[in-house]
Amino acid sequence: WLVLLTIPLFYTGVIAFEKKKPVIFCYPVLVTLIYLMCGFFA
C-alpha cells in the first residue's frame, strides 16, 4: 500500500515544478514514505 503514498507526491511534485514553488510539494509524505520503506524492508 506504500505505492498509494506516491499519488500526492506525483501531483504536488508536477504542480510545484510547473509553478516553480517547492513549498507546494508534499514533503512530509515523502519523508513518511522513506521512513516506512526503511522500517518494513530494512
Full PDB file with SEQRES, HELIX, SHEET, SSBOND, CRYST1, ORIGX, SCALE, CONECT and MASTER records, all heavy atoms in Angstrom:
SEQRES   1 A   42  TRP LEU VAL LEU LEU THR ILE PRO LEU PHE TYR THR GLY          
SEQRES   2 A   42  VAL ILE ALA PHE GLU LYS LYS LYS PRO VAL ILE PHE CYS          
SEQRES   3 A   42  TYR PRO VAL LEU VAL THR LEU ILE TYR LEU MET CYS GLY          
SEQRES   4 A   42  PHE PHE ALA                                                  
HELIX    1 AA1 LEU A    2  LEU A    5  5                                   4    
HELIX    2 AA2 THR A    6  LYS A   19  1                                  14    
HELIX    3 AA3 PRO A   22  ILE A   24  5                                   3    
HELIX    4 AA4 TYR A   27  PHE A   41  1                                  15    
CRYST1    1.000    1.000    1.000  90.00  90.00  90.00 P 1           1          
ORIGX1      1.000000  0.000000  0.000000        0.00000                         
ORIGX2      0.000000  1.000000  0.000000        0.00000                         
ORIGX3      0.000000  0.000000  1.000000        0.00000                         
SCALE1      1.000000  0.000000  0.000000        0.00000                         
SCALE2      0.000000  1.000000  0.000000        0.00000                         
SCALE3      0.000000  0.000000  1.000000        0.00000                         
ATOM      1  N   TRP A   1       0.813  -1.217   0.000  1.00  0.00           N  
ATOM      2  CA  TRP A   1       0.000   0.000   0.000  1.00  0.00           C  
ATOM      3  C   TRP A   1       0.849   1.271   0.000  1.00  0.00           C  
ATOM      4  O   TRP A   1       0.338   2.376  -0.242  1.00  0.00           O  
ATOM      5  CB  TRP A   1      -0.920   0.012   1.220  1.00  0.00           C  
ATOM      6  CG  TRP A   1      -0.194   0.055   2.540  1.00  0.00           C  
ATOM      7  CD1 TRP A   1       0.234  -0.999   3.265  1.00  0.00           C  
ATOM      8  CD2 TRP A   1       0.217   1.231   3.230  1.00  0.00           C  
ATOM      9  NE1 TRP A   1       0.879  -0.582   4.397  1.00  0.00           N  
ATOM     10  CE2 TRP A   1       0.881   0.788   4.406  1.00  0.00           C  
ATOM     11  CE3 TRP A   1       0.093   2.590   3.006  1.00  0.00           C  
ATOM     12  CZ2 TRP A   1       1.415   1.678   5.334  1.00  0.00           C  
ATOM     13  CZ3 TRP A   1       0.614   3.468   3.926  1.00  0.00           C  
ATOM     14  CH2 TRP A   1       1.274   3.016   5.076  1.00  0.00           C  
ATOM     15  N   LEU A   2       2.158   1.084   0.258  1.00  0.00           N  
ATOM     16  CA  LEU A   2       3.034   2.268   0.245  1.00  0.00           C  
ATOM     17  C   LEU A   2       3.029   2.969  -1.114  1.00  0.00           C  
ATOM     18  O   LEU A   2       3.291   4.170  -1.201  1.00  0.00           O  
ATOM     19  CB  LEU A   2       4.462   1.861   0.614  1.00  0.00           C  
ATOM     20  CG  LEU A   2       4.675   1.363   2.051  1.00  0.00           C  
ATOM     21  CD1 LEU A   2       6.120   0.937   2.250  1.00  0.00           C  
ATOM     22  CD2 LEU A   2       4.297   2.448   3.057  1.00  0.00           C  
ATOM     23  N   VAL A   3       2.730   2.199  -2.174  1.00  0.00           N  
ATOM     24  CA  VAL A   3       2.708   2.833  -3.508  1.00  0.00           C  
ATOM     25  C   VAL A   3       1.605   3.881  -3.600  1.00  0.00           C  
ATOM     26  O   VAL A   3       1.687   4.813  -4.409  1.00  0.00           O  
ATOM     27  CB  VAL A   3       2.537   1.775  -4.629  1.00  0.00           C  
ATOM     28  CG1 VAL A   3       3.689   0.797  -4.642  1.00  0.00           C  
ATOM     29  CG2 VAL A   3       1.200   1.056  -4.504  1.00  0.00           C  
ATOM     30  N   LEU A   4       0.571   3.755  -2.749  1.00  0.00           N  
ATOM     31  CA  LEU A   4      -0.510   4.742  -2.780  1.00  0.00           C  
ATOM     32  C   LEU A   4      -0.050   6.103  -2.271  1.00  0.00           C  
ATOM     33  O   LEU A   4      -0.638   7.145  -2.598  1.00  0.00           O  
ATOM     34  CB  LEU A   4      -1.693   4.239  -1.946  1.00  0.00           C  
ATOM     35  CG  LEU A   4      -2.305   2.899  -2.394  1.00  0.00           C  
ATOM     36  CD1 LEU A   4      -3.445   2.501  -1.475  1.00  0.00           C  
ATOM     37  CD2 LEU A   4      -2.783   2.977  -3.838  1.00  0.00           C  
ATOM     38  N   LEU A   5       1.017   6.096  -1.442  1.00  0.00           N  
ATOM     39  CA  LEU A   5       1.550   7.376  -0.949  1.00  0.00           C  
ATOM     40  C   LEU A   5       2.219   8.182  -2.054  1.00  0.00           C  
ATOM     41  O   LEU A   5       2.456   9.381  -1.891  1.00  0.00           O  
ATOM     42  CB  LEU A   5       2.547   7.114   0.181  1.00  0.00           C  
ATOM     43  CG  LEU A   5       1.973   6.558   1.491  1.00  0.00           C  
ATOM     44  CD1 LEU A   5       3.086   6.342   2.503  1.00  0.00           C  
ATOM     45  CD2 LEU A   5       0.913   7.486   2.060  1.00  0.00           C  
ATOM     46  N   THR A   6       2.520   7.514  -3.165  1.00  0.00           N  
ATOM     47  CA  THR A   6       3.150   8.256  -4.265  1.00  0.00           C  
ATOM     48  C   THR A   6       2.149   9.127  -5.019  1.00  0.00           C  
ATOM     49  O   THR A   6       2.548   9.991  -5.803  1.00  0.00           O  
ATOM     50  CB  THR A   6       3.819   7.291  -5.258  1.00  0.00           C  
ATOM     51  OG1 THR A   6       2.807   6.487  -5.894  1.00  0.00           O  
ATOM     52  CG2 THR A   6       4.826   6.385  -4.559  1.00  0.00           C  
ATOM     53  N   ILE A   7       0.840   8.898  -4.782  1.00  0.00           N  
ATOM     54  CA  ILE A   7      -0.175   9.696  -5.501  1.00  0.00           C  
ATOM     55  C   ILE A   7      -0.068  11.176  -5.161  1.00  0.00           C  
ATOM     56  O   ILE A   7       0.075  12.016  -6.071  1.00  0.00           O  
ATOM     57  CB  ILE A   7      -1.594   9.153  -5.214  1.00  0.00           C  
ATOM     58  CG1 ILE A   7      -1.724   7.732  -5.777  1.00  0.00           C  
ATOM     59  CG2 ILE A   7      -2.652  10.058  -5.852  1.00  0.00           C  
ATOM     60  CD1 ILE A   7      -3.034   7.045  -5.420  1.00  0.00           C  
ATOM     61  N   PRO A   8      -0.128  11.577  -3.869  1.00  0.00           N  
ATOM     62  CA  PRO A   8       0.029  13.012  -3.582  1.00  0.00           C  
ATOM     63  C   PRO A   8       1.412  13.529  -3.957  1.00  0.00           C  
ATOM     64  O   PRO A   8       1.561  14.700  -4.331  1.00  0.00           O  
ATOM     65  CB  PRO A   8      -0.212  13.104  -2.069  1.00  0.00           C  
ATOM     66  CG  PRO A   8       0.041  11.730  -1.547  1.00  0.00           C  
ATOM     67  CD  PRO A   8      -0.384  10.798  -2.634  1.00  0.00           C  
ATOM     68  N   LEU A   9       2.428  12.663  -3.874  1.00  0.00           N  
ATOM     69  CA  LEU A   9       3.777  13.096  -4.260  1.00  0.00           C  
ATOM     70  C   LEU A   9       3.829  13.413  -5.752  1.00  0.00           C  
ATOM     71  O   LEU A   9       4.455  14.398  -6.170  1.00  0.00           O  
ATOM     72  CB  LEU A   9       4.800  12.003  -3.928  1.00  0.00           C  
ATOM     73  CG  LEU A   9       4.991  11.680  -2.442  1.00  0.00           C  
ATOM     74  CD1 LEU A   9       6.002  10.540  -2.280  1.00  0.00           C  
ATOM     75  CD2 LEU A   9       5.446  12.907  -1.678  1.00  0.00           C  
ATOM     76  N   PHE A  10       3.167  12.589  -6.551  1.00  0.00           N  
ATOM     77  CA  PHE A  10       3.175  12.785  -8.004  1.00  0.00           C  
ATOM     78  C   PHE A  10       2.507  14.107  -8.380  1.00  0.00           C  
ATOM     79  O   PHE A  10       3.082  14.928  -9.106  1.00  0.00           O  
ATOM     80  CB  PHE A  10       2.458  11.621  -8.687  1.00  0.00           C  
ATOM     81  CG  PHE A  10       2.282  11.796 -10.161  1.00  0.00           C  
ATOM     82  CD1 PHE A  10       3.352  11.629 -11.040  1.00  0.00           C  
ATOM     83  CD2 PHE A  10       1.039  12.147 -10.690  1.00  0.00           C  
ATOM     84  CE1 PHE A  10       3.182  11.795 -12.410  1.00  0.00           C  
ATOM     85  CE2 PHE A  10       0.865  12.320 -12.054  1.00  0.00           C  
ATOM     86  CZ  PHE A  10       1.934  12.136 -12.914  1.00  0.00           C  
ATOM     87  N   TYR A  11       1.296  14.320  -7.878  1.00  0.00           N  
ATOM     88  CA  TYR A  11       0.538  15.509  -8.272  1.00  0.00           C  
ATOM     89  C   TYR A  11       1.171  16.812  -7.727  1.00  0.00           C  
ATOM     90  O   TYR A  11       1.318  17.788  -8.467  1.00  0.00           O  
ATOM     91  CB  TYR A  11      -0.911  15.402  -7.801  1.00  0.00           C  
ATOM     92  CG  TYR A  11      -1.712  14.445  -8.635  1.00  0.00           C  
ATOM     93  CD1 TYR A  11      -2.163  13.236  -8.110  1.00  0.00           C  
ATOM     94  CD2 TYR A  11      -2.019  14.728  -9.964  1.00  0.00           C  
ATOM     95  CE1 TYR A  11      -2.891  12.343  -8.883  1.00  0.00           C  
ATOM     96  CE2 TYR A  11      -2.738  13.848 -10.745  1.00  0.00           C  
ATOM     97  CZ  TYR A  11      -3.176  12.650 -10.197  1.00  0.00           C  
ATOM     98  OH  TYR A  11      -3.880  11.785 -10.972  1.00  0.00           O  
ATOM     99  N   THR A  12       1.535  16.804  -6.455  1.00  0.00           N  
ATOM    100  CA  THR A  12       2.134  18.030  -5.901  1.00  0.00           C  
ATOM    101  C   THR A  12       3.511  18.290  -6.498  1.00  0.00           C  
ATOM    102  O   THR A  12       3.918  19.437  -6.638  1.00  0.00           O  
ATOM    103  CB  THR A  12       2.246  17.945  -4.372  1.00  0.00           C  
ATOM    104  OG1 THR A  12       3.037  16.795  -4.010  1.00  0.00           O  
ATOM    105  CG2 THR A  12       0.872  17.832  -3.741  1.00  0.00           C  
ATOM    106  N   GLY A  13       4.216  17.218  -6.871  1.00  0.00           N  
ATOM    107  CA  GLY A  13       5.524  17.392  -7.495  1.00  0.00           C  
ATOM    108  C   GLY A  13       5.410  18.039  -8.864  1.00  0.00           C  
ATOM    109  O   GLY A  13       6.171  18.954  -9.205  1.00  0.00           O  
ATOM    110  N   VAL A  14       4.430  17.586  -9.665  1.00  0.00           N  
ATOM    111  CA  VAL A  14       4.227  18.154 -11.005  1.00  0.00           C  
ATOM    112  C   VAL A  14       3.826  19.628 -10.911  1.00  0.00           C  
ATOM    113  O   VAL A  14       4.367  20.494 -11.610  1.00  0.00           O  
ATOM    114  CB  VAL A  14       3.151  17.356 -11.773  1.00  0.00           C  
ATOM    115  CG1 VAL A  14       2.786  18.075 -13.072  1.00  0.00           C  
ATOM    116  CG2 VAL A  14       3.647  15.953 -12.074  1.00  0.00           C  
ATOM    117  N   ILE A  15       2.866  19.931 -10.015  1.00  0.00           N  
ATOM    118  CA  ILE A  15       2.379  21.313  -9.891  1.00  0.00           C  
ATOM    119  C   ILE A  15       3.475  22.231  -9.331  1.00  0.00           C  
ATOM    120  O   ILE A  15       3.636  23.371  -9.777  1.00  0.00           O  
ATOM    121  CB  ILE A  15       1.132  21.355  -8.983  1.00  0.00           C  
ATOM    122  CG1 ILE A  15      -0.012  20.585  -9.652  1.00  0.00           C  
ATOM    123  CG2 ILE A  15       0.696  22.792  -8.718  1.00  0.00           C  
ATOM    124  CD1 ILE A  15      -1.232  20.402  -8.775  1.00  0.00           C  
ATOM    125  N   ALA A  16       4.233  21.727  -8.349  1.00  0.00           N  
ATOM    126  CA  ALA A  16       5.317  22.538  -7.779  1.00  0.00           C  
ATOM    127  C   ALA A  16       6.371  22.847  -8.828  1.00  0.00           C  
ATOM    128  O   ALA A  16       6.927  23.956  -8.874  1.00  0.00           O  
ATOM    129  CB  ALA A  16       5.956  21.798  -6.605  1.00  0.00           C  
ATOM    130  N   PHE A  17       6.656  21.884  -9.712  1.00  0.00           N  
ATOM    131  CA  PHE A  17       7.646  22.101 -10.778  1.00  0.00           C  
ATOM    132  C   PHE A  17       7.133  23.117 -11.790  1.00  0.00           C  
ATOM    133  O   PHE A  17       7.872  23.994 -12.232  1.00  0.00           O  
ATOM    134  CB  PHE A  17       7.946  20.773 -11.465  1.00  0.00           C  
ATOM    135  CG  PHE A  17       8.910  20.903 -12.612  1.00  0.00           C  
ATOM    136  CD1 PHE A  17      10.267  21.048 -12.394  1.00  0.00           C  
ATOM    137  CD2 PHE A  17       8.441  20.901 -13.924  1.00  0.00           C  
ATOM    138  CE1 PHE A  17      11.151  21.173 -13.460  1.00  0.00           C  
ATOM    139  CE2 PHE A  17       9.321  21.033 -14.993  1.00  0.00           C  
ATOM    140  CZ  PHE A  17      10.674  21.161 -14.753  1.00  0.00           C  
ATOM    141  N   GLU A  18       5.849  23.011 -12.169  1.00  0.00           N  
ATOM    142  CA  GLU A  18       5.284  23.931 -13.156  1.00  0.00           C  
ATOM    143  C   GLU A  18       5.243  25.361 -12.629  1.00  0.00           C  
ATOM    144  O   GLU A  18       5.564  26.311 -13.349  1.00  0.00           O  
ATOM    145  CB  GLU A  18       3.873  23.481 -13.533  1.00  0.00           C  
ATOM    146  CG  GLU A  18       3.827  22.207 -14.358  1.00  0.00           C  
ATOM    147  CD  GLU A  18       2.404  21.729 -14.626  1.00  0.00           C  
ATOM    148  OE1 GLU A  18       1.459  22.281 -14.009  1.00  0.00           O  
ATOM    149  OE2 GLU A  18       2.238  20.814 -15.440  1.00  0.00           O  
ATOM    150  N   LYS A  19       4.845  25.530 -11.375  1.00  0.00           N  
ATOM    151  CA  LYS A  19       4.731  26.871 -10.797  1.00  0.00           C  
ATOM    152  C   LYS A  19       6.020  27.353 -10.151  1.00  0.00           C  
ATOM    153  O   LYS A  19       6.093  28.483  -9.676  1.00  0.00           O  
ATOM    154  CB  LYS A  19       3.602  26.893  -9.757  1.00  0.00           C  
ATOM    155  CG  LYS A  19       2.230  26.658 -10.364  1.00  0.00           C  
ATOM    156  CD  LYS A  19       1.128  26.861  -9.326  1.00  0.00           C  
ATOM    157  CE  LYS A  19      -0.245  26.722  -9.954  1.00  0.00           C  
ATOM    158  NZ  LYS A  19      -1.326  26.977  -8.970  1.00  0.00           N  
ATOM    159  N   LYS A  20       7.017  26.471 -10.119  1.00  0.00           N  
ATOM    160  CA  LYS A  20       8.313  26.792  -9.512  1.00  0.00           C  
ATOM    161  C   LYS A  20       8.148  27.235  -8.057  1.00  0.00           C  
ATOM    162  O   LYS A  20       8.748  28.210  -7.600  1.00  0.00           O  
ATOM    163  CB  LYS A  20       9.029  27.879 -10.326  1.00  0.00           C  
ATOM    164  CG  LYS A  20       9.356  27.429 -11.745  1.00  0.00           C  
ATOM    165  CD  LYS A  20      10.073  28.498 -12.530  1.00  0.00           C  
ATOM    166  CE  LYS A  20      10.388  28.023 -13.946  1.00  0.00           C  
ATOM    167  NZ  LYS A  20      11.070  29.055 -14.741  1.00  0.00           N  
ATOM    168  N   LYS A  21       7.285  26.496  -7.336  1.00  0.00           N  
ATOM    169  CA  LYS A  21       7.041  26.756  -5.919  1.00  0.00           C  
ATOM    170  C   LYS A  21       7.229  25.458  -5.149  1.00  0.00           C  
ATOM    171  O   LYS A  21       6.283  24.687  -4.990  1.00  0.00           O  
ATOM    172  CB  LYS A  21       5.633  27.309  -5.699  1.00  0.00           C  
ATOM    173  CG  LYS A  21       5.408  28.679  -6.305  1.00  0.00           C  
ATOM    174  CD  LYS A  21       4.008  29.174  -6.008  1.00  0.00           C  
ATOM    175  CE  LYS A  21       3.787  30.577  -6.578  1.00  0.00           C  
ATOM    176  NZ  LYS A  21       2.418  31.063  -6.294  1.00  0.00           N  
ATOM    177  N   PRO A  22       8.441  25.183  -4.669  1.00  0.00           N  
ATOM    178  CA  PRO A  22       8.708  23.930  -3.959  1.00  0.00           C  
ATOM    179  C   PRO A  22       7.818  23.715  -2.743  1.00  0.00           C  
ATOM    180  O   PRO A  22       7.576  22.575  -2.347  1.00  0.00           O  
ATOM    181  CB  PRO A  22      10.181  24.071  -3.537  1.00  0.00           C  
ATOM    182  CG  PRO A  22      10.749  25.095  -4.454  1.00  0.00           C  
ATOM    183  CD  PRO A  22       9.635  26.027  -4.775  1.00  0.00           C  
ATOM    184  N   VAL A  23       7.312  24.795  -2.144  1.00  0.00           N  
ATOM    185  CA  VAL A  23       6.508  24.663  -0.935  1.00  0.00           C  
ATOM    186  C   VAL A  23       5.217  23.888  -1.189  1.00  0.00           C  
ATOM    187  O   VAL A  23       4.605  23.351  -0.265  1.00  0.00           O  
ATOM    188  CB  VAL A  23       6.196  26.065  -0.356  1.00  0.00           C  
ATOM    189  CG1 VAL A  23       5.176  26.790  -1.204  1.00  0.00           C  
ATOM    190  CG2 VAL A  23       5.723  25.962   1.085  1.00  0.00           C  
ATOM    191  N   ILE A  24       4.786  23.808  -2.446  1.00  0.00           N  
ATOM    192  CA  ILE A  24       3.571  23.065  -2.791  1.00  0.00           C  
ATOM    193  C   ILE A  24       3.787  21.558  -2.623  1.00  0.00           C  
ATOM    194  O   ILE A  24       2.855  20.815  -2.325  1.00  0.00           O  
ATOM    195  CB  ILE A  24       3.139  23.391  -4.232  1.00  0.00           C  
ATOM    196  CG1 ILE A  24       2.757  24.877  -4.346  1.00  0.00           C  
ATOM    197  CG2 ILE A  24       1.964  22.530  -4.683  1.00  0.00           C  
ATOM    198  CD1 ILE A  24       2.428  25.332  -5.751  1.00  0.00           C  
ATOM    199  N   PHE A  25       5.014  21.111  -2.814  1.00  0.00           N  
ATOM    200  CA  PHE A  25       5.316  19.677  -2.779  1.00  0.00           C  
ATOM    201  C   PHE A  25       5.034  19.091  -1.400  1.00  0.00           C  
ATOM    202  O   PHE A  25       5.365  19.688  -0.372  1.00  0.00           O  
ATOM    203  CB  PHE A  25       6.782  19.452  -3.161  1.00  0.00           C  
ATOM    204  CG  PHE A  25       7.189  18.006  -3.175  1.00  0.00           C  
ATOM    205  CD1 PHE A  25       6.598  17.115  -4.044  1.00  0.00           C  
ATOM    206  CD2 PHE A  25       8.162  17.552  -2.305  1.00  0.00           C  
ATOM    207  CE1 PHE A  25       6.972  15.781  -4.058  1.00  0.00           C  
ATOM    208  CE2 PHE A  25       8.551  16.220  -2.311  1.00  0.00           C  
ATOM    209  CZ  PHE A  25       7.958  15.332  -3.187  1.00  0.00           C  
ATOM    210  N   CYS A  26       4.406  17.881  -1.363  1.00  0.00           N  
ATOM    211  CA  CYS A  26       4.076  17.201  -0.091  1.00  0.00           C  
ATOM    212  C   CYS A  26       5.326  16.534   0.489  1.00  0.00           C  
ATOM    213  O   CYS A  26       5.445  15.291   0.499  1.00  0.00           O  
ATOM    214  CB  CYS A  26       2.976  16.173  -0.314  1.00  0.00           C  
ATOM    215  SG  CYS A  26       1.339  16.875  -0.409  1.00  0.00           S  
ATOM    216  N   TYR A  27       6.226  17.359   0.974  1.00  0.00           N  
ATOM    217  CA  TYR A  27       7.475  16.813   1.509  1.00  0.00           C  
ATOM    218  C   TYR A  27       7.248  15.904   2.718  1.00  0.00           C  
ATOM    219  O   TYR A  27       7.916  14.869   2.838  1.00  0.00           O  
ATOM    220  CB  TYR A  27       8.417  17.962   1.866  1.00  0.00           C  
ATOM    221  CG  TYR A  27       9.760  17.497   2.356  1.00  0.00           C  
ATOM    222  CD1 TYR A  27      10.711  16.989   1.462  1.00  0.00           C  
ATOM    223  CD2 TYR A  27      10.085  17.540   3.710  1.00  0.00           C  
ATOM    224  CE1 TYR A  27      11.940  16.545   1.912  1.00  0.00           C  
ATOM    225  CE2 TYR A  27      11.325  17.109   4.160  1.00  0.00           C  
ATOM    226  CZ  TYR A  27      12.246  16.606   3.263  1.00  0.00           C  
ATOM    227  OH  TYR A  27      13.466  16.162   3.704  1.00  0.00           O  
ATOM    228  N   PRO A  28       6.328  16.211   3.647  1.00  0.00           N  
ATOM    229  CA  PRO A  28       6.099  15.297   4.783  1.00  0.00           C  
ATOM    230  C   PRO A  28       5.684  13.900   4.348  1.00  0.00           C  
ATOM    231  O   PRO A  28       6.056  12.909   4.984  1.00  0.00           O  
ATOM    232  CB  PRO A  28       4.984  15.995   5.567  1.00  0.00           C  
ATOM    233  CG  PRO A  28       5.130  17.435   5.233  1.00  0.00           C  
ATOM    234  CD  PRO A  28       5.545  17.456   3.793  1.00  0.00           C  
ATOM    235  N   VAL A  29       4.908  13.799   3.258  1.00  0.00           N  
ATOM    236  CA  VAL A  29       4.501  12.479   2.756  1.00  0.00           C  
ATOM    237  C   VAL A  29       5.716  11.718   2.235  1.00  0.00           C  
ATOM    238  O   VAL A  29       5.847  10.501   2.440  1.00  0.00           O  
ATOM    239  CB  VAL A  29       3.436  12.623   1.651  1.00  0.00           C  
ATOM    240  CG1 VAL A  29       3.063  11.259   1.079  1.00  0.00           C  
ATOM    241  CG2 VAL A  29       2.205  13.330   2.189  1.00  0.00           C  
ATOM    242  N   LEU A  30       6.631  12.425   1.561  1.00  0.00           N  
ATOM    243  CA  LEU A  30       7.848  11.787   1.071  1.00  0.00           C  
ATOM    244  C   LEU A  30       8.679  11.246   2.235  1.00  0.00           C  
ATOM    245  O   LEU A  30       9.180  10.112   2.185  1.00  0.00           O  
ATOM    246  CB  LEU A  30       8.669  12.785   0.257  1.00  0.00           C  
ATOM    247  CG  LEU A  30      10.045  12.295  -0.220  1.00  0.00           C  
ATOM    248  CD1 LEU A  30       9.890  11.105  -1.171  1.00  0.00           C  
ATOM    249  CD2 LEU A  30      10.807  13.425  -0.904  1.00  0.00           C  
ATOM    250  N   VAL A  31       8.817  12.038   3.288  1.00  0.00           N  
ATOM    251  CA  VAL A  31       9.577  11.607   4.463  1.00  0.00           C  
ATOM    252  C   VAL A  31       8.926  10.377   5.096  1.00  0.00           C  
ATOM    253  O   VAL A  31       9.606   9.412   5.470  1.00  0.00           O  
ATOM    254  CB  VAL A  31       9.680  12.764   5.482  1.00  0.00           C  
ATOM    255  CG1 VAL A  31      10.274  12.260   6.795  1.00  0.00           C  
ATOM    256  CG2 VAL A  31      10.524  13.891   4.919  1.00  0.00           C  
ATOM    257  N   THR A  32       7.601  10.382   5.202  1.00  0.00           N  
ATOM    258  CA  THR A  32       6.880   9.243   5.773  1.00  0.00           C  
ATOM    259  C   THR A  32       7.091   7.994   4.931  1.00  0.00           C  
ATOM    260  O   THR A  32       7.295   6.887   5.467  1.00  0.00           O  
ATOM    261  CB  THR A  32       5.377   9.559   5.868  1.00  0.00           C  
ATOM    262  OG1 THR A  32       5.193  10.745   6.655  1.00  0.00           O  
ATOM    263  CG2 THR A  32       4.621   8.412   6.497  1.00  0.00           C  
ATOM    264  N   LEU A  33       7.041   8.144   3.606  1.00  0.00           N  
ATOM    265  CA  LEU A  33       7.242   7.004   2.708  1.00  0.00           C  
ATOM    266  C   LEU A  33       8.633   6.402   2.872  1.00  0.00           C  
ATOM    267  O   LEU A  33       8.792   5.171   2.976  1.00  0.00           O  
ATOM    268  CB  LEU A  33       7.026   7.458   1.256  1.00  0.00           C  
ATOM    269  CG  LEU A  33       7.270   6.393   0.171  1.00  0.00           C  
ATOM    270  CD1 LEU A  33       6.347   5.214   0.343  1.00  0.00           C  
ATOM    271  CD2 LEU A  33       7.103   7.007  -1.219  1.00  0.00           C  
ATOM    272  N   ILE A  34       9.646   7.263   2.920  1.00  0.00           N  
ATOM    273  CA  ILE A  34      11.022   6.769   3.087  1.00  0.00           C  
ATOM    274  C   ILE A  34      11.178   6.066   4.435  1.00  0.00           C  
ATOM    275  O   ILE A  34      11.788   4.998   4.533  1.00  0.00           O  
ATOM    276  CB  ILE A  34      12.019   7.948   2.978  1.00  0.00           C  
ATOM    277  CG1 ILE A  34      11.996   8.535   1.564  1.00  0.00           C  
ATOM    278  CG2 ILE A  34      13.420   7.494   3.337  1.00  0.00           C  
ATOM    279  CD1 ILE A  34      12.810   9.795   1.413  1.00  0.00           C  
ATOM    280  N   TYR A  35      10.593   6.636   5.475  1.00  0.00           N  
ATOM    281  CA  TYR A  35      10.697   6.053   6.818  1.00  0.00           C  
ATOM    282  C   TYR A  35      10.046   4.671   6.861  1.00  0.00           C  
ATOM    283  O   TYR A  35      10.614   3.709   7.398  1.00  0.00           O  
ATOM    284  CB  TYR A  35      10.039   6.983   7.828  1.00  0.00           C  
ATOM    285  CG  TYR A  35       9.994   6.422   9.235  1.00  0.00           C  
ATOM    286  CD1 TYR A  35      11.164   6.248   9.969  1.00  0.00           C  
ATOM    287  CD2 TYR A  35       8.785   6.056   9.820  1.00  0.00           C  
ATOM    288  CE1 TYR A  35      11.129   5.735  11.258  1.00  0.00           C  
ATOM    289  CE2 TYR A  35       8.740   5.548  11.102  1.00  0.00           C  
ATOM    290  CZ  TYR A  35       9.914   5.380  11.816  1.00  0.00           C  
ATOM    291  OH  TYR A  35       9.874   4.862  13.089  1.00  0.00           O  
ATOM    292  N   LEU A  36       8.861   4.544   6.288  1.00  0.00           N  
ATOM    293  CA  LEU A  36       8.156   3.261   6.301  1.00  0.00           C  
ATOM    294  C   LEU A  36       8.881   2.214   5.468  1.00  0.00           C  
ATOM    295  O   LEU A  36       8.946   1.026   5.857  1.00  0.00           O  
ATOM    296  CB  LEU A  36       6.725   3.456   5.786  1.00  0.00           C  
ATOM    297  CG  LEU A  36       5.801   4.283   6.692  1.00  0.00           C  
ATOM    298  CD1 LEU A  36       4.462   4.517   6.012  1.00  0.00           C  
ATOM    299  CD2 LEU A  36       5.597   3.570   8.029  1.00  0.00           C  
ATOM    300  N   MET A  37       9.425   2.613   4.326  1.00  0.00           N  
ATOM    301  CA  MET A  37      10.168   1.663   3.488  1.00  0.00           C  
ATOM    302  C   MET A  37      11.414   1.156   4.222  1.00  0.00           C  
ATOM    303  O   MET A  37      11.724  -0.051   4.200  1.00  0.00           O  
ATOM    304  CB  MET A  37      10.565   2.337   2.170  1.00  0.00           C  
ATOM    305  CG  MET A  37       9.388   2.599   1.244  1.00  0.00           C  
ATOM    306  SD  MET A  37       9.863   3.420  -0.297  1.00  0.00           S  
ATOM    307  CE  MET A  37      10.879   2.150  -1.041  1.00  0.00           C  
ATOM    308  N   CYS A  38      12.129   2.089   4.882  1.00  0.00           N  
ATOM    309  CA  CYS A  38      13.321   1.671   5.639  1.00  0.00           C  
ATOM    310  C   CYS A  38      12.931   0.758   6.805  1.00  0.00           C  
ATOM    311  O   CYS A  38      13.663  -0.182   7.148  1.00  0.00           O  
ATOM    312  CB  CYS A  38      14.064   2.899   6.161  1.00  0.00           C  
ATOM    313  SG  CYS A  38      14.832   3.891   4.869  1.00  0.00           S  
ATOM    314  N   GLY A  39      11.765   1.023   7.413  1.00  0.00           N  
ATOM    315  CA  GLY A  39      11.336   0.191   8.529  1.00  0.00           C  
ATOM    316  C   GLY A  39      10.861  -1.177   8.098  1.00  0.00           C  
ATOM    317  O   GLY A  39      11.259  -2.203   8.680  1.00  0.00           O  
ATOM    318  N   PHE A  40      10.019  -1.236   7.057  1.00  0.00           N  
ATOM    319  CA  PHE A  40       9.470  -2.513   6.600  1.00  0.00           C  
ATOM    320  C   PHE A  40      10.532  -3.418   5.968  1.00  0.00           C  
ATOM    321  O   PHE A  40      10.551  -4.624   6.192  1.00  0.00           O  
ATOM    322  CB  PHE A  40       8.348  -2.272   5.592  1.00  0.00           C  
ATOM    323  CG  PHE A  40       7.056  -1.845   6.230  1.00  0.00           C  
ATOM    324  CD1 PHE A  40       6.325  -0.791   5.695  1.00  0.00           C  
ATOM    325  CD2 PHE A  40       6.569  -2.476   7.361  1.00  0.00           C  
ATOM    326  CE1 PHE A  40       5.139  -0.388   6.273  1.00  0.00           C  
ATOM    327  CE2 PHE A  40       5.367  -2.074   7.944  1.00  0.00           C  
ATOM    328  CZ  PHE A  40       4.650  -1.034   7.402  1.00  0.00           C  
ATOM    329  N   PHE A  41      11.396  -2.828   5.151  1.00  0.00           N  
ATOM    330  CA  PHE A  41      12.306  -3.650   4.358  1.00  0.00           C  
ATOM    331  C   PHE A  41      13.704  -3.783   4.956  1.00  0.00           C  
ATOM    332  O   PHE A  41      14.446  -4.698   4.594  1.00  0.00           O  
ATOM    333  CB  PHE A  41      12.421  -3.081   2.934  1.00  0.00           C  
ATOM    334  CG  PHE A  41      11.107  -3.029   2.220  1.00  0.00           C  
ATOM    335  CD1 PHE A  41      10.532  -1.816   1.888  1.00  0.00           C  
ATOM    336  CD2 PHE A  41      10.427  -4.198   1.900  1.00  0.00           C  
ATOM    337  CE1 PHE A  41       9.314  -1.754   1.234  1.00  0.00           C  
ATOM    338  CE2 PHE A  41       9.206  -4.143   1.232  1.00  0.00           C  
ATOM    339  CZ  PHE A  41       8.639  -2.926   0.906  1.00  0.00           C  
ATOM    340  N   ALA A  42      14.105  -2.877   5.853  1.00  0.00           N  
ATOM    341  CA  ALA A  42      15.444  -2.967   6.438  1.00  0.00           C  
ATOM    342  C   ALA A  42      15.413  -2.919   7.963  1.00  0.00           C  
ATOM    343  O   ALA A  42      16.476  -2.931   8.585  1.00  0.00           O  
ATOM    344  CB  ALA A  42      16.328  -1.837   5.901  1.00  0.00           C  
TER     345      ALA A  42                                                      
MASTER        0    0    0    4    0    0    0    6  344    1    0    4          
END                                                                             
